Amino acid sequence: MSNVTPAKSQDQQHLELLAIFHYIFGGLGALCACFPLMYLGIGVAMLTGAFKGGSDGPPEEMGWIFVVIGALLALLGWTMSACIILAGRKLTRHESPTFCLVVAALMCLSIPLGTALGVFTIIVLMRPSVKELFESHRR
């Protein structure tokens, strides 16, 4: 017989489901974060002169703008995706509830799927029984 109460068992199931959805959402986010690399490629093409046909091409500053913005957006997307995946791992292990809450709040900016997942994560993490579960694993 297990001494786990039904409420904690249900909480653990909810945390496991949330973790799975965090992994999926983080993976999709990492994939979508590859799209700004097209801007980086366009910027590199501008800088190497690939767009200079018979006339003057775009100014060099425009190429640098494309490179910098493309690289920053890709890095930002990959960083956020890594944080989401890490939050999913921490939900499974019942660690760092504050980190999970911060990531869930940031996920709310990704309308509509990130908002739904972020709100559900916040709701589950605010339950007293889940807080107790995280505290018991901290010791």
N, C-alpha and C. Protein backbone atom coordinates (compact mmCIF):
# COMPACT_ATOMS: atom_id res chain seq x y z
N MET A 1 0.82 -1.18 0.00
CA MET A 1 0.00 0.00 0.00
C MET A 1 0.87 1.25 0.00
N SER A 2 0.40 2.20 -0.68
CA SER A 2 1.12 3.46 -0.78
C SER A 2 0.52 4.46 0.19
N ASN A 3 1.37 5.31 0.76
CA ASN A 3 0.87 6.34 1.65
C ASN A 3 0.64 7.65 0.92
N VAL A 4 0.59 7.63 -0.40
CA VAL A 4 0.34 8.81 -1.19
C VAL A 4 -1.16 9.05 -1.23
N THR A 5 -1.57 10.26 -0.88
CA THR A 5 -3.00 10.58 -0.89
C THR A 5 -3.46 10.78 -2.32
N PRO A 6 -4.77 10.60 -2.57
CA PRO A 6 -5.28 10.78 -3.94
C PRO A 6 -5.03 12.18 -4.48
N ALA A 7 -5.08 13.20 -3.62
CA ALA A 7 -4.85 14.57 -4.09
C ALA A 7 -3.42 14.72 -4.62
N LYS A 8 -2.46 14.17 -3.90
CA LYS A 8 -1.07 14.27 -4.35
C LYS A 8 -0.86 13.45 -5.61
N SER A 9 -1.51 12.32 -5.71
CA SER A 9 -1.39 11.51 -6.91
C SER A 9 -1.93 12.28 -8.12
N GLN A 10 -3.05 12.95 -7.94
CA GLN A 10 -3.62 13.76 -9.01
C GLN A 10 -2.70 14.94 -9.33
N ASP A 11 -2.12 15.53 -8.31
CA ASP A 11 -1.19 16.63 -8.53
C ASP A 11 0.03 16.15 -9.32
N GLN A 12 0.53 14.99 -8.99
CA GLN A 12 1.68 14.45 -9.72
C GLN A 12 1.32 14.18 -11.17
N GLN A 13 0.11 13.68 -11.41
CA GLN A 13 -0.33 13.45 -12.79
C GLN A 13 -0.42 14.77 -13.55
N HIS A 14 -0.96 15.80 -12.90
CA HIS A 14 -1.06 17.11 -13.56
C HIS A 14 0.33 17.67 -13.86
N LEU A 15 1.25 17.52 -12.92
CA LEU A 15 2.61 18.01 -13.15
C LEU A 15 3.30 17.26 -14.28
N GLU A 16 3.07 15.95 -14.36
CA GLU A 16 3.66 15.17 -15.44
C GLU A 16 3.08 15.58 -16.80
N LEU A 17 1.77 15.80 -16.85
CA LEU A 17 1.15 16.26 -18.11
C LEU A 17 1.68 17.63 -18.50
N LEU A 18 1.76 18.52 -17.53
CA LEU A 18 2.30 19.85 -17.82
C LEU A 18 3.73 19.76 -18.33
N ALA A 19 4.51 18.87 -17.75
CA ALA A 19 5.90 18.71 -18.19
C ALA A 19 5.95 18.23 -19.63
N ILE A 20 5.10 17.27 -19.98
CA ILE A 20 5.06 16.78 -21.37
C ILE A 20 4.70 17.91 -22.32
N PHE A 21 3.69 18.71 -21.95
CA PHE A 21 3.30 19.83 -22.81
C PHE A 21 4.40 20.88 -22.88
N HIS A 22 5.16 21.05 -21.80
CA HIS A 22 6.30 21.98 -21.84
C HIS A 22 7.36 21.48 -22.83
N TYR A 23 7.62 20.17 -22.82
CA TYR A 23 8.60 19.61 -23.75
C TYR A 23 8.14 19.84 -25.20
N ILE A 24 6.88 19.58 -25.47
CA ILE A 24 6.35 19.74 -26.83
C ILE A 24 6.41 21.20 -27.25
N PHE A 25 5.93 22.08 -26.37
CA PHE A 25 5.90 23.51 -26.70
C PHE A 25 7.32 24.06 -26.87
N GLY A 26 8.25 23.61 -26.01
CA GLY A 26 9.64 24.05 -26.13
C GLY A 26 10.27 23.58 -27.42
N GLY A 27 9.98 22.33 -27.83
CA GLY A 27 10.50 21.82 -29.09
C GLY A 27 9.96 22.57 -30.29
N LEU A 28 8.66 22.84 -30.26
CA LEU A 28 8.06 23.62 -31.36
C LEU A 28 8.62 25.04 -31.39
N GLY A 29 8.85 25.60 -30.21
CA GLY A 29 9.43 26.94 -30.14
C GLY A 29 10.84 26.97 -30.71
N ALA A 30 11.62 25.93 -30.41
CA ALA A 30 12.98 25.86 -30.94
C ALA A 30 12.96 25.74 -32.46
N LEU A 31 12.01 24.98 -32.96
CA LEU A 31 11.88 24.85 -34.42
C LEU A 31 11.49 26.18 -35.04
N CYS A 32 10.52 26.86 -34.46
CA CYS A 32 10.09 28.16 -35.00
C CYS A 32 11.17 29.22 -34.87
N ALA A 33 12.05 29.06 -33.88
CA ALA A 33 13.13 30.03 -33.70
C ALA A 33 14.18 29.92 -34.81
N CYS A 34 14.08 28.92 -35.65
CA CYS A 34 15.00 28.80 -36.79
C CYS A 34 14.60 29.71 -37.95
N PHE A 35 13.35 30.16 -37.98
CA PHE A 35 12.89 31.00 -39.08
C PHE A 35 13.64 32.33 -39.19
N PRO A 36 14.00 32.99 -38.08
CA PRO A 36 14.77 34.23 -38.22
C PRO A 36 16.14 34.04 -38.86
N LEU A 37 16.59 32.79 -38.98
CA LEU A 37 17.86 32.56 -39.65
C LEU A 37 17.78 32.93 -41.14
N MET A 38 16.56 32.98 -41.67
CA MET A 38 16.40 33.44 -43.06
C MET A 38 16.83 34.90 -43.17
N TYR A 39 16.48 35.71 -42.15
CA TYR A 39 16.91 37.10 -42.14
C TYR A 39 18.43 37.20 -42.05
N LEU A 40 19.01 36.34 -41.26
CA LEU A 40 20.45 36.32 -41.15
C LEU A 40 21.06 35.99 -42.51
N GLY A 41 20.50 35.02 -43.21
CA GLY A 41 20.99 34.65 -44.54
C GLY A 41 20.84 35.78 -45.54
N ILE A 42 19.72 36.48 -45.49
CA ILE A 42 19.51 37.62 -46.39
C ILE A 42 20.53 38.71 -46.09
N GLY A 43 20.77 38.94 -44.78
CA GLY A 43 21.77 39.95 -44.40
C GLY A 43 23.16 39.59 -44.88
N VAL A 44 23.52 38.32 -44.75
CA VAL A 44 24.84 37.87 -45.23
C VAL A 44 24.92 38.04 -46.75
N ALA A 45 23.83 37.72 -47.44
CA ALA A 45 23.81 37.90 -48.89
C ALA A 45 23.98 39.37 -49.27
N MET A 46 23.34 40.25 -48.49
CA MET A 46 23.50 41.69 -48.76
C MET A 46 24.95 42.12 -48.54
N LEU A 47 25.56 41.58 -47.50
CA LEU A 47 26.93 41.99 -47.18
C LEU A 47 27.94 41.44 -48.18
N THR A 48 27.68 40.28 -48.76
CA THR A 48 28.61 39.69 -49.72
C THR A 48 28.38 40.20 -51.14
N GLY A 49 27.32 40.96 -51.33
CA GLY A 49 27.08 41.54 -52.63
C GLY A 49 26.24 40.68 -53.56
N ALA A 50 25.55 39.70 -53.04
CA ALA A 50 24.74 38.82 -53.88
C ALA A 50 23.55 39.55 -54.51
N PHE A 51 23.12 40.65 -53.90
CA PHE A 51 21.97 41.39 -54.43
C PHE A 51 22.38 42.54 -55.35
N LYS A 52 23.68 42.68 -55.60
CA LYS A 52 24.13 43.74 -56.50
C LYS A 52 24.11 43.21 -57.92
N GLY A 53 23.10 43.62 -58.63
CA GLY A 53 22.98 43.20 -60.03
C GLY A 53 23.74 44.18 -60.89
N GLY A 54 23.04 44.81 -61.81
CA GLY A 54 23.66 45.79 -62.68
C GLY A 54 23.80 47.14 -62.02
N SER A 55 23.08 47.34 -60.91
CA SER A 55 23.13 48.64 -60.24
C SER A 55 23.63 48.47 -58.81
N ASP A 56 23.64 49.56 -58.12
CA ASP A 56 24.05 49.50 -56.72
C ASP A 56 23.02 48.70 -55.92
N GLY A 57 23.51 47.90 -55.03
CA GLY A 57 22.65 47.09 -54.17
C GLY A 57 22.25 47.87 -52.93
N PRO A 58 21.65 47.18 -52.00
CA PRO A 58 21.26 47.85 -50.75
C PRO A 58 22.49 48.28 -49.95
N PRO A 59 22.34 49.30 -49.12
CA PRO A 59 23.50 49.76 -48.35
C PRO A 59 23.97 48.68 -47.36
N GLU A 60 25.24 48.75 -47.04
CA GLU A 60 25.84 47.74 -46.15
C GLU A 60 25.17 47.74 -44.77
N GLU A 61 24.74 48.91 -44.30
CA GLU A 61 24.08 48.98 -43.00
C GLU A 61 22.82 48.14 -42.97
N MET A 62 22.12 48.07 -44.07
CA MET A 62 20.91 47.27 -44.15
C MET A 62 21.24 45.78 -43.97
N GLY A 63 22.32 45.35 -44.55
CA GLY A 63 22.76 43.97 -44.37
C GLY A 63 23.06 43.65 -42.91
N TRP A 64 23.75 44.57 -42.24
CA TRP A 64 24.06 44.37 -40.83
C TRP A 64 22.81 44.35 -39.97
N ILE A 65 21.84 45.18 -40.30
CA ILE A 65 20.57 45.18 -39.56
C ILE A 65 19.91 43.81 -39.68
N PHE A 66 19.87 43.27 -40.88
CA PHE A 66 19.26 41.94 -41.07
C PHE A 66 20.03 40.87 -40.30
N VAL A 67 21.35 40.93 -40.34
CA VAL A 67 22.16 39.93 -39.63
C VAL A 67 21.93 40.00 -38.13
N VAL A 68 21.99 41.19 -37.57
CA VAL A 68 21.86 41.35 -36.12
C VAL A 68 20.45 40.96 -35.65
N ILE A 69 19.43 41.46 -36.35
CA ILE A 69 18.06 41.14 -35.93
C ILE A 69 17.77 39.66 -36.08
N GLY A 70 18.18 39.05 -37.16
CA GLY A 70 17.97 37.62 -37.35
C GLY A 70 18.66 36.79 -36.29
N ALA A 71 19.92 37.14 -35.99
CA ALA A 71 20.67 36.38 -34.98
C ALA A 71 20.06 36.56 -33.59
N LEU A 72 19.68 37.80 -33.25
CA LEU A 72 19.09 38.04 -31.93
C LEU A 72 17.76 37.33 -31.75
N LEU A 73 16.91 37.37 -32.77
CA LEU A 73 15.61 36.69 -32.67
C LEU A 73 15.78 35.17 -32.55
N ALA A 74 16.70 34.61 -33.30
CA ALA A 74 16.94 33.17 -33.20
C ALA A 74 17.48 32.80 -31.81
N LEU A 75 18.44 33.56 -31.32
CA LEU A 75 18.99 33.29 -29.98
C LEU A 75 17.94 33.46 -28.89
N LEU A 76 17.12 34.48 -29.01
CA LEU A 76 16.06 34.70 -28.03
C LEU A 76 15.07 33.54 -28.04
N GLY A 77 14.69 33.09 -29.22
CA GLY A 77 13.75 31.97 -29.34
C GLY A 77 14.33 30.68 -28.79
N TRP A 78 15.60 30.41 -29.10
CA TRP A 78 16.24 29.19 -28.59
C TRP A 78 16.42 29.24 -27.07
N THR A 79 16.73 30.42 -26.56
CA THR A 79 16.89 30.57 -25.11
C THR A 79 15.57 30.35 -24.40
N MET A 80 14.50 30.93 -24.92
CA MET A 80 13.18 30.75 -24.31
C MET A 80 12.76 29.30 -24.40
N SER A 81 13.01 28.66 -25.52
CA SER A 81 12.67 27.24 -25.68
C SER A 81 13.44 26.37 -24.69
N ALA A 82 14.71 26.68 -24.50
CA ALA A 82 15.51 25.92 -23.53
C ALA A 82 14.97 26.12 -22.12
N CYS A 83 14.55 27.33 -21.79
CA CYS A 83 13.97 27.58 -20.47
C CYS A 83 12.65 26.83 -20.28
N ILE A 84 11.84 26.77 -21.33
CA ILE A 84 10.57 26.05 -21.25
C ILE A 84 10.82 24.56 -21.05
N ILE A 85 11.76 24.00 -21.78
CA ILE A 85 12.09 22.58 -21.63
C ILE A 85 12.66 22.32 -20.23
N LEU A 86 13.51 23.21 -19.76
CA LEU A 86 14.08 23.07 -18.41
C LEU A 86 12.98 23.16 -17.35
N ALA A 87 12.02 24.05 -17.55
CA ALA A 87 10.89 24.15 -16.61
C ALA A 87 10.09 22.85 -16.60
N GLY A 88 9.92 22.24 -17.76
CA GLY A 88 9.23 20.95 -17.81
C GLY A 88 9.99 19.89 -17.02
N ARG A 89 11.28 19.91 -17.13
CA ARG A 89 12.11 18.95 -16.37
C ARG A 89 11.99 19.21 -14.87
N LYS A 90 11.98 20.48 -14.49
CA LYS A 90 11.86 20.82 -13.08
C LYS A 90 10.47 20.50 -12.54
N LEU A 91 9.46 20.59 -13.38
CA LEU A 91 8.11 20.19 -12.95
C LEU A 91 8.07 18.69 -12.66
N THR A 92 8.73 17.90 -13.49
CA THR A 92 8.77 16.46 -13.29
C THR A 92 9.50 16.11 -12.00
N ARG A 93 10.58 16.82 -11.73
CA ARG A 93 11.41 16.53 -10.55
C ARG A 93 10.93 17.25 -9.30
N HIS A 94 9.92 18.12 -9.44
CA HIS A 94 9.36 18.89 -8.33
C HIS A 94 10.42 19.80 -7.72
N GLU A 95 11.12 20.52 -8.59
CA GLU A 95 12.18 21.44 -8.18
C GLU A 95 11.86 22.85 -8.66
N SER A 96 12.41 23.83 -8.03
CA SER A 96 12.40 25.24 -8.45
C SER A 96 11.02 25.74 -8.87
N PRO A 97 10.08 25.81 -7.93
CA PRO A 97 8.75 26.30 -8.31
C PRO A 97 8.76 27.76 -8.79
N THR A 98 9.69 28.55 -8.25
CA THR A 98 9.76 29.96 -8.67
C THR A 98 10.19 30.07 -10.13
N PHE A 99 11.19 29.29 -10.53
CA PHE A 99 11.63 29.28 -11.92
C PHE A 99 10.48 28.86 -12.83
N CYS A 100 9.75 27.82 -12.42
CA CYS A 100 8.63 27.33 -13.23
C CYS A 100 7.54 28.40 -13.36
N LEU A 101 7.30 29.14 -12.28
CA LEU A 101 6.29 30.21 -12.33
C LEU A 101 6.72 31.35 -13.25
N VAL A 102 7.98 31.71 -13.20
CA VAL A 102 8.49 32.79 -14.06
C VAL A 102 8.39 32.38 -15.53
N VAL A 103 8.79 31.16 -15.83
CA VAL A 103 8.71 30.68 -17.22
C VAL A 103 7.24 30.61 -17.66
N ALA A 104 6.36 30.14 -16.78
CA ALA A 104 4.94 30.07 -17.11
C ALA A 104 4.39 31.47 -17.40
N ALA A 105 4.81 32.46 -16.62
CA ALA A 105 4.35 33.83 -16.85
C ALA A 105 4.86 34.34 -18.19
N LEU A 106 6.11 34.04 -18.54
CA LEU A 106 6.65 34.46 -19.83
C LEU A 106 5.97 33.74 -20.99
N MET A 107 5.58 32.49 -20.75
CA MET A 107 4.89 31.73 -21.80
C MET A 107 3.53 32.33 -22.12
N CYS A 108 2.95 33.05 -21.18
CA CYS A 108 1.65 33.68 -21.42
C CYS A 108 1.71 34.71 -22.54
N LEU A 109 2.91 35.16 -22.90
CA LEU A 109 3.07 36.11 -24.00
C LEU A 109 2.93 35.44 -25.37
N SER A 110 3.04 34.12 -25.41
CA SER A 110 2.93 33.37 -26.67
C SER A 110 1.47 32.97 -26.88
N ILE A 111 0.74 33.85 -27.49
CA ILE A 111 -0.69 33.65 -27.70
C ILE A 111 -0.91 32.70 -28.86
N PRO A 112 -1.79 31.75 -28.83
CA PRO A 112 -2.74 31.33 -27.81
C PRO A 112 -2.26 30.12 -27.00
N LEU A 113 -1.39 29.27 -27.60
CA LEU A 113 -1.01 28.03 -26.91
C LEU A 113 -0.16 28.28 -25.68
N GLY A 114 0.79 29.18 -25.78
CA GLY A 114 1.63 29.49 -24.63
C GLY A 114 0.83 30.10 -23.49
N THR A 115 -0.17 30.90 -23.84
CA THR A 115 -1.03 31.49 -22.82
C THR A 115 -1.78 30.41 -22.06
N ALA A 116 -2.37 29.47 -22.80
CA ALA A 116 -3.13 28.39 -22.15
C ALA A 116 -2.21 27.55 -21.26
N LEU A 117 -1.06 27.16 -21.78
CA LEU A 117 -0.14 26.33 -21.01
C LEU A 117 0.40 27.09 -19.81
N GLY A 118 0.73 28.36 -19.99
CA GLY A 118 1.22 29.17 -18.89
C GLY A 118 0.20 29.35 -17.79
N VAL A 119 -1.04 29.62 -18.17
CA VAL A 119 -2.10 29.81 -17.17
C VAL A 119 -2.36 28.51 -16.40
N PHE A 120 -2.44 27.40 -17.12
CA PHE A 120 -2.66 26.12 -16.43
C PHE A 120 -1.50 25.78 -15.50
N THR A 121 -0.29 26.09 -15.93
CA THR A 121 0.87 25.83 -15.08
C THR A 121 0.81 26.68 -13.82
N ILE A 122 0.46 27.94 -13.97
CA ILE A 122 0.35 28.82 -12.80
C ILE A 122 -0.74 28.33 -11.86
N ILE A 123 -1.88 27.93 -12.41
CA ILE A 123 -2.98 27.44 -11.58
C ILE A 123 -2.54 26.21 -10.78
N VAL A 124 -1.88 25.26 -11.44
CA VAL A 124 -1.46 24.04 -10.75
C VAL A 124 -0.39 24.36 -9.70
N LEU A 125 0.56 25.23 -10.04
CA LEU A 125 1.63 25.54 -9.09
C LEU A 125 1.14 26.34 -7.88
N MET A 126 0.01 26.99 -7.99
CA MET A 126 -0.52 27.77 -6.87
C MET A 126 -1.32 26.93 -5.87
N ARG A 127 -1.61 25.68 -6.21
CA ARG A 127 -2.34 24.81 -5.28
C ARG A 127 -1.49 24.57 -4.03
N PRO A 128 -2.10 24.62 -2.86
CA PRO A 128 -1.36 24.34 -1.63
C PRO A 128 -0.76 22.92 -1.62
N SER A 129 -1.48 21.96 -2.17
CA SER A 129 -0.97 20.58 -2.17
C SER A 129 0.26 20.44 -3.08
N VAL A 130 0.30 21.22 -4.16
CA VAL A 130 1.47 21.17 -5.05
C VAL A 130 2.65 21.88 -4.40
N LYS A 131 2.38 22.99 -3.72
CA LYS A 131 3.45 23.68 -2.99
C LYS A 131 4.04 22.74 -1.95
N GLU A 132 3.18 21.98 -1.28
CA GLU A 132 3.63 21.02 -0.29
C GLU A 132 4.48 19.92 -0.93
N LEU A 133 4.08 19.50 -2.13
CA LEU A 133 4.82 18.47 -2.86
C LEU A 133 6.22 18.96 -3.21
N PHE A 134 6.33 20.21 -3.65
CA PHE A 134 7.64 20.78 -3.98
C PHE A 134 8.49 20.93 -2.71
N GLU A 135 7.86 21.32 -1.61
CA GLU A 135 8.58 21.47 -0.34
C GLU A 135 9.10 20.14 0.16
N SER A 136 8.31 19.08 0.01
CA SER A 136 8.71 17.77 0.50
C SER A 136 9.91 17.22 -0.30
N HIS A 137 10.03 17.60 -1.57
CA HIS A 137 11.16 17.15 -2.38
C HIS A 137 12.40 18.01 -2.14
N ARG A 138 12.21 19.17 -1.56
CA ARG A 138 13.35 20.06 -1.29
C ARG A 138 14.17 19.52 -0.13
N ARG A 139 13.52 18.86 0.81
CA ARG A 139 14.21 18.38 2.01
C ARG A 139 15.06 17.21 1.74
